[in-house]
Amino acid sequence: MKDFSEILDGVKAKIEAAARRAGRDPSEVEIVAVTKTHGTDAVEEAWRAGLRIVGENKVQEVAWKKPASVSGPEWHLIGHLQRNKVRHALELFDFIHSVDSVKLADRINSIAEEIGARPRILLEVNVSGEKSKSGMRPEEVKDALEHIFAECPRITVEGLMTMAPFSENPEDARPYFRRLRELRDSLERELGAALPRLSMGMSGDYEVAVEEGATWVRLGTVLFGERPKAKAVAAFTGLDSYSGEGPTAKVLD
């Protein structure tokens, strides 16, 4: 059984090789350690091994996990953000990857003005067009950026995020990652804006994502193993289920 440091070293070696295949500097790529449904021990393990960014899908999970975890990591929200959770997200997270509409951006800006926050965000783009996925259509992103630049002075947009359709073959994700990079590049040219971050690639396809320009890869299973089952999650979160029903969820409503 490999320990976490050995696993991480193997992942980093694959990232470095993928970056060099694409003629990129491996230092351009950072790992977002996705500890979704894992306990605070996973956060601490990642921190001890040198990872400095923790990714979570749900606001209510971070509400209990962050205070109980080692201090220091940046906390990134990588899951869908409901507008009624914006205030808590801004209080808990350092970065939001999943802004998927102008209305959500307006809400973030409004709450940020109230609490004095300066949110850093990515715009989530549904490159694949799958109805099951959140995100703006690629053709909507330019107008959204122009609106945010003009109307949302509290927000800094640093780039784009996407999820490729699930496939057993990592190569199937390549066209989606390439399209996001090309979209980012065209927007930088057209708008004269710097959008340096591309959040794309997960445990099954991160090497392809790096080859196509990812600067953040969101890795959970490849680092921490399979996620705990719902009952185990309830035991250490205090939630009645991972859907968010329970004492912590009520505080965040």
Protein backbone atom coordinates (compact mmCIF):
# COMPACT_ATOMS: atom_id res chain seq x y z
CA MET A 1 0.00 0.00 0.00
CA LYS A 2 1.50 3.32 -1.10
CA ASP A 3 1.42 6.22 1.32
CA PHE A 4 0.02 9.57 0.25
CA SER A 5 3.39 11.10 -0.56
CA GLU A 6 4.22 8.25 -2.93
CA ILE A 7 0.85 8.60 -4.65
CA LEU A 8 1.30 12.33 -4.99
CA ASP A 9 4.82 11.94 -6.37
CA GLY A 10 3.43 9.62 -9.06
CA VAL A 11 0.70 12.09 -9.99
CA LYS A 12 3.18 14.97 -10.13
CA ALA A 13 5.47 12.93 -12.39
CA LYS A 14 2.57 12.35 -14.80
CA ILE A 15 1.70 16.05 -14.76
CA GLU A 16 5.31 16.98 -15.45
CA ALA A 17 5.53 14.50 -18.35
CA ALA A 18 2.25 15.75 -19.84
CA ALA A 19 3.37 19.37 -19.57
CA ARG A 20 6.69 18.64 -21.26
CA ARG A 21 4.94 16.75 -24.07
CA ALA A 22 3.01 19.96 -24.73
CA GLY A 23 6.08 22.18 -24.49
CA ARG A 24 4.84 23.69 -21.23
CA ASP A 25 6.57 24.51 -17.96
CA PRO A 26 5.24 22.00 -15.37
CA SER A 27 5.26 24.76 -12.74
CA GLU A 28 2.28 26.32 -14.56
CA VAL A 29 0.07 23.46 -13.33
CA GLU A 30 -1.28 23.26 -9.77
CA ILE A 31 -3.28 20.49 -8.11
CA VAL A 32 -6.60 21.24 -6.47
CA ALA A 33 -6.93 18.47 -3.87
CA VAL A 34 -10.61 17.53 -3.91
CA THR A 35 -11.50 16.20 -0.46
CA LYS A 36 -15.24 15.91 -1.14
CA THR A 37 -16.86 13.55 1.44
CA HIS A 38 -13.48 12.78 3.02
CA GLY A 39 -12.73 13.92 6.56
CA THR A 40 -10.35 16.56 7.83
CA ASP A 41 -7.57 13.97 7.85
CA ALA A 42 -7.49 14.18 4.04
CA VAL A 43 -7.04 17.96 4.19
CA GLU A 44 -4.23 17.59 6.70
CA GLU A 45 -2.58 14.83 4.68
CA ALA A 46 -2.64 16.99 1.55
CA TRP A 47 -1.22 19.95 3.46
CA ARG A 48 1.63 17.91 4.96
CA ALA A 49 2.51 16.65 1.48
CA GLY A 50 2.81 20.20 0.15
CA LEU A 51 -0.56 20.75 -1.54
CA ARG A 52 -1.89 24.23 -0.86
CA ILE A 53 -5.32 24.24 -2.54
CA VAL A 54 -8.32 22.24 -1.31
CA GLY A 55 -11.40 21.87 -3.49
CA GLU A 56 -14.91 21.19 -2.23
CA ASN A 57 -18.26 20.78 -3.99
CA LYS A 58 -20.62 21.93 -1.26
CA VAL A 59 -20.78 25.01 0.92
CA GLN A 60 -22.28 23.09 3.85
CA GLU A 61 -19.42 20.59 3.90
CA VAL A 62 -16.81 23.33 4.23
CA ALA A 63 -18.84 24.98 7.00
CA TRP A 64 -17.83 22.15 9.35
CA LYS A 65 -14.63 20.98 7.67
CA LYS A 66 -12.69 24.24 7.36
CA PRO A 67 -12.81 25.22 11.07
CA ALA A 68 -11.78 21.69 12.06
CA SER A 69 -8.92 21.41 9.55
CA VAL A 70 -5.35 22.55 9.52
CA SER A 71 -5.08 26.28 8.79
CA GLY A 72 -3.28 27.44 5.68
CA PRO A 73 -4.82 25.95 2.51
CA GLU A 74 -6.76 27.98 0.00
CA TRP A 75 -10.34 26.69 -0.19
CA HIS A 76 -11.84 26.53 -3.66
CA LEU A 77 -15.52 25.94 -4.42
CA ILE A 78 -15.65 23.69 -7.47
CA GLY A 79 -19.31 22.61 -7.30
CA HIS A 80 -22.51 24.37 -8.30
CA LEU A 81 -23.26 27.49 -6.26
CA GLN A 82 -26.88 28.33 -5.47
CA ARG A 83 -27.67 32.03 -5.17
CA ASN A 84 -29.00 31.57 -1.63
CA LYS A 85 -25.59 30.18 -0.57
CA VAL A 86 -23.51 33.06 -1.97
CA ARG A 87 -22.99 34.89 1.33
CA HIS A 88 -21.70 31.77 3.06
CA ALA A 89 -19.55 30.84 0.06
CA LEU A 90 -17.84 34.23 0.16
CA GLU A 91 -17.23 33.85 3.88
CA LEU A 92 -15.76 30.36 3.53
CA PHE A 93 -13.98 30.12 0.18
CA ASP A 94 -10.97 31.90 -1.27
CA PHE A 95 -11.91 31.14 -4.87
CA ILE A 96 -15.04 30.08 -6.80
CA HIS A 97 -14.58 27.99 -9.96
CA SER A 98 -18.25 27.60 -10.84
CA VAL A 99 -19.90 30.92 -11.70
CA ASP A 100 -22.32 29.83 -14.39
CA SER A 101 -24.54 32.85 -15.06
CA VAL A 102 -24.61 36.63 -15.09
CA LYS A 103 -27.33 36.55 -12.43
CA LEU A 104 -25.04 34.60 -10.12
CA ALA A 105 -22.19 37.03 -10.79
CA ASP A 106 -24.49 39.96 -9.95
CA ARG A 107 -25.48 38.27 -6.69
CA ILE A 108 -21.85 37.61 -5.79
CA ASN A 109 -20.94 41.23 -6.49
CA SER A 110 -23.87 42.53 -4.42
CA ILE A 111 -23.01 40.39 -1.38
CA ALA A 112 -19.33 41.17 -1.80
CA GLU A 113 -20.13 44.89 -1.54
CA GLU A 114 -22.07 44.27 1.67
CA ILE A 115 -19.32 42.31 3.40
CA GLY A 116 -16.26 43.96 1.86
CA ALA A 117 -15.12 40.88 -0.05
CA ARG A 118 -13.09 40.78 -3.26
CA PRO A 119 -14.09 37.46 -4.86
CA ARG A 120 -11.82 35.71 -7.33
CA ILE A 121 -13.76 33.56 -9.75
CA LEU A 122 -13.77 31.45 -12.88
CA LEU A 123 -16.66 31.28 -15.32
CA GLU A 124 -17.93 27.74 -15.78
CA VAL A 125 -18.47 26.85 -19.43
CA ASN A 126 -20.54 23.89 -20.62
CA VAL A 127 -18.35 23.11 -23.60
CA SER A 128 -19.96 19.72 -24.23
CA GLY A 129 -23.53 21.02 -24.28
CA GLU A 130 -24.69 18.25 -21.93
CA LYS A 131 -28.00 19.14 -20.30
CA SER A 132 -26.92 17.45 -17.07
CA LYS A 133 -24.02 19.89 -16.62
CA SER A 134 -24.03 23.45 -15.33
CA GLY A 135 -22.24 26.22 -17.17
CA MET A 136 -22.64 28.94 -19.74
CA ARG A 137 -22.75 28.14 -23.42
CA PRO A 138 -19.46 29.12 -25.07
CA GLU A 139 -21.20 31.81 -27.11
CA GLU A 140 -22.48 33.44 -23.90
CA VAL A 141 -19.11 33.91 -22.24
CA LYS A 142 -17.98 37.08 -24.01
CA ASP A 143 -21.14 38.99 -23.09
CA ALA A 144 -20.91 37.68 -19.53
CA LEU A 145 -17.33 38.89 -19.20
CA GLU A 146 -18.19 42.31 -20.60
CA HIS A 147 -21.05 42.59 -18.12
CA ILE A 148 -18.90 41.56 -15.15
CA PHE A 149 -16.09 43.94 -16.14
CA ALA A 150 -18.57 46.82 -16.39
CA GLU A 151 -21.08 46.05 -13.64
CA CYS A 152 -19.34 43.90 -11.02
CA PRO A 153 -16.36 45.89 -9.73
CA ARG A 154 -15.85 43.68 -6.66
CA ILE A 155 -15.21 40.56 -8.79
CA THR A 156 -11.96 39.49 -10.42
CA VAL A 157 -12.42 36.93 -13.21
CA GLU A 158 -9.23 34.90 -13.60
CA GLY A 159 -10.24 32.38 -16.25
CA LEU A 160 -12.57 29.56 -17.22
CA MET A 161 -13.59 26.13 -15.94
CA THR A 162 -15.19 23.10 -17.58
CA MET A 163 -15.99 19.43 -17.09
CA ALA A 164 -15.63 16.97 -19.94
CA PRO A 165 -18.25 14.25 -20.45
CA PHE A 166 -17.47 11.07 -18.55
CA SER A 167 -15.62 8.44 -20.56
CA GLU A 168 -13.37 5.50 -19.78
CA ASN A 169 -11.00 6.80 -22.46
CA PRO A 170 -9.19 10.00 -21.41
CA GLU A 171 -8.61 10.93 -25.05
CA ASP A 172 -12.34 11.49 -25.45
CA ALA A 173 -11.98 14.58 -23.25
CA ARG A 174 -9.35 16.24 -25.44
CA PRO A 175 -11.69 18.14 -27.83
CA TYR A 176 -13.53 19.72 -24.89
CA PHE A 177 -10.38 20.83 -23.11
CA ARG A 178 -8.95 22.16 -26.36
CA ARG A 179 -12.12 24.11 -27.07
CA LEU A 180 -12.00 25.76 -23.64
CA ARG A 181 -8.39 26.80 -24.16
CA GLU A 182 -9.16 28.16 -27.62
CA LEU A 183 -12.17 30.04 -26.23
CA ARG A 184 -10.00 31.55 -23.50
CA ASP A 185 -7.35 32.56 -26.03
CA SER A 186 -9.88 34.23 -28.33
CA LEU A 187 -11.48 36.11 -25.43
CA GLU A 188 -8.12 37.44 -24.29
CA ARG A 189 -7.47 38.75 -27.80
CA GLU A 190 -10.94 40.23 -28.30
CA LEU A 191 -11.34 41.81 -24.87
CA GLY A 192 -7.72 42.63 -24.07
CA ALA A 193 -8.21 40.85 -20.75
CA ALA A 194 -5.89 38.47 -18.93
CA LEU A 195 -7.57 35.13 -18.18
CA PRO A 196 -4.64 33.02 -17.01
CA ARG A 197 -6.50 30.20 -15.25
CA LEU A 198 -7.98 27.11 -16.88
CA SER A 199 -9.56 24.69 -14.40
CA MET A 200 -10.09 21.43 -16.27
CA GLY A 201 -9.24 17.79 -15.83
CA MET A 202 -10.05 15.35 -13.04
CA SER A 203 -8.69 12.01 -11.87
CA GLY A 204 -9.49 10.16 -15.09
CA ASP A 205 -8.32 12.70 -17.64
CA TYR A 206 -5.92 15.16 -16.00
CA GLU A 207 -2.94 14.28 -18.18
CA VAL A 208 -4.88 15.17 -21.32
CA ALA A 209 -6.07 18.36 -19.64
CA VAL A 210 -2.48 19.38 -18.89
CA GLU A 211 -1.49 18.70 -22.50
CA GLU A 212 -4.32 21.01 -23.57
CA GLY A 213 -3.45 23.89 -21.25
CA ALA A 214 -4.93 23.26 -17.79
CA THR A 215 -3.43 25.35 -15.01
CA TRP A 216 -5.55 23.75 -12.28
CA VAL A 217 -6.43 20.05 -12.25
CA ARG A 218 -9.10 18.94 -9.77
CA LEU A 219 -7.99 15.62 -8.29
CA GLY A 220 -9.80 13.54 -5.71
CA THR A 221 -10.01 9.79 -6.28
CA VAL A 222 -6.52 9.46 -7.76
CA LEU A 223 -5.10 10.97 -4.55
CA PHE A 224 -7.44 9.85 -1.78
CA GLY A 225 -9.07 6.71 -3.15
CA GLU A 226 -12.77 6.06 -3.48
CA ARG A 227 -15.08 8.42 -1.64
CA PRO A 228 -16.71 7.26 1.61
CA LYS A 229 -20.29 6.04 1.40
CA ALA A 230 -23.19 8.27 2.45
CA LYS A 231 -23.50 6.75 5.95
CA ALA A 232 -19.84 7.35 6.66
CA VAL A 233 -20.15 10.92 5.48
CA ALA A 234 -23.12 11.49 7.79
CA ALA A 235 -21.12 10.15 10.71
CA PHE A 236 -18.31 12.64 10.43
CA THR A 237 -20.20 15.65 9.05
CA GLY A 238 -23.20 15.69 11.35
CA LEU A 239 -25.42 15.88 8.28
CA ASP A 240 -28.34 13.49 7.97
CA SER A 241 -27.20 12.77 4.43
CA TYR A 242 -24.71 14.13 1.96
CA SER A 243 -27.58 15.96 0.23
CA GLY A 244 -27.17 18.55 2.96
CA GLU A 245 -30.11 17.86 5.27
CA GLY A 246 -29.18 18.39 8.87
CA PRO A 247 -28.12 20.90 11.48
CA THR A 248 -25.27 22.34 9.48
CA ALA A 249 -27.41 22.69 6.37
CA LYS A 250 -30.09 24.57 8.32
CA VAL A 251 -27.56 27.14 9.45
CA LEU A 252 -26.68 27.81 5.81
CA ASP A 253 -30.22 28.17 4.49
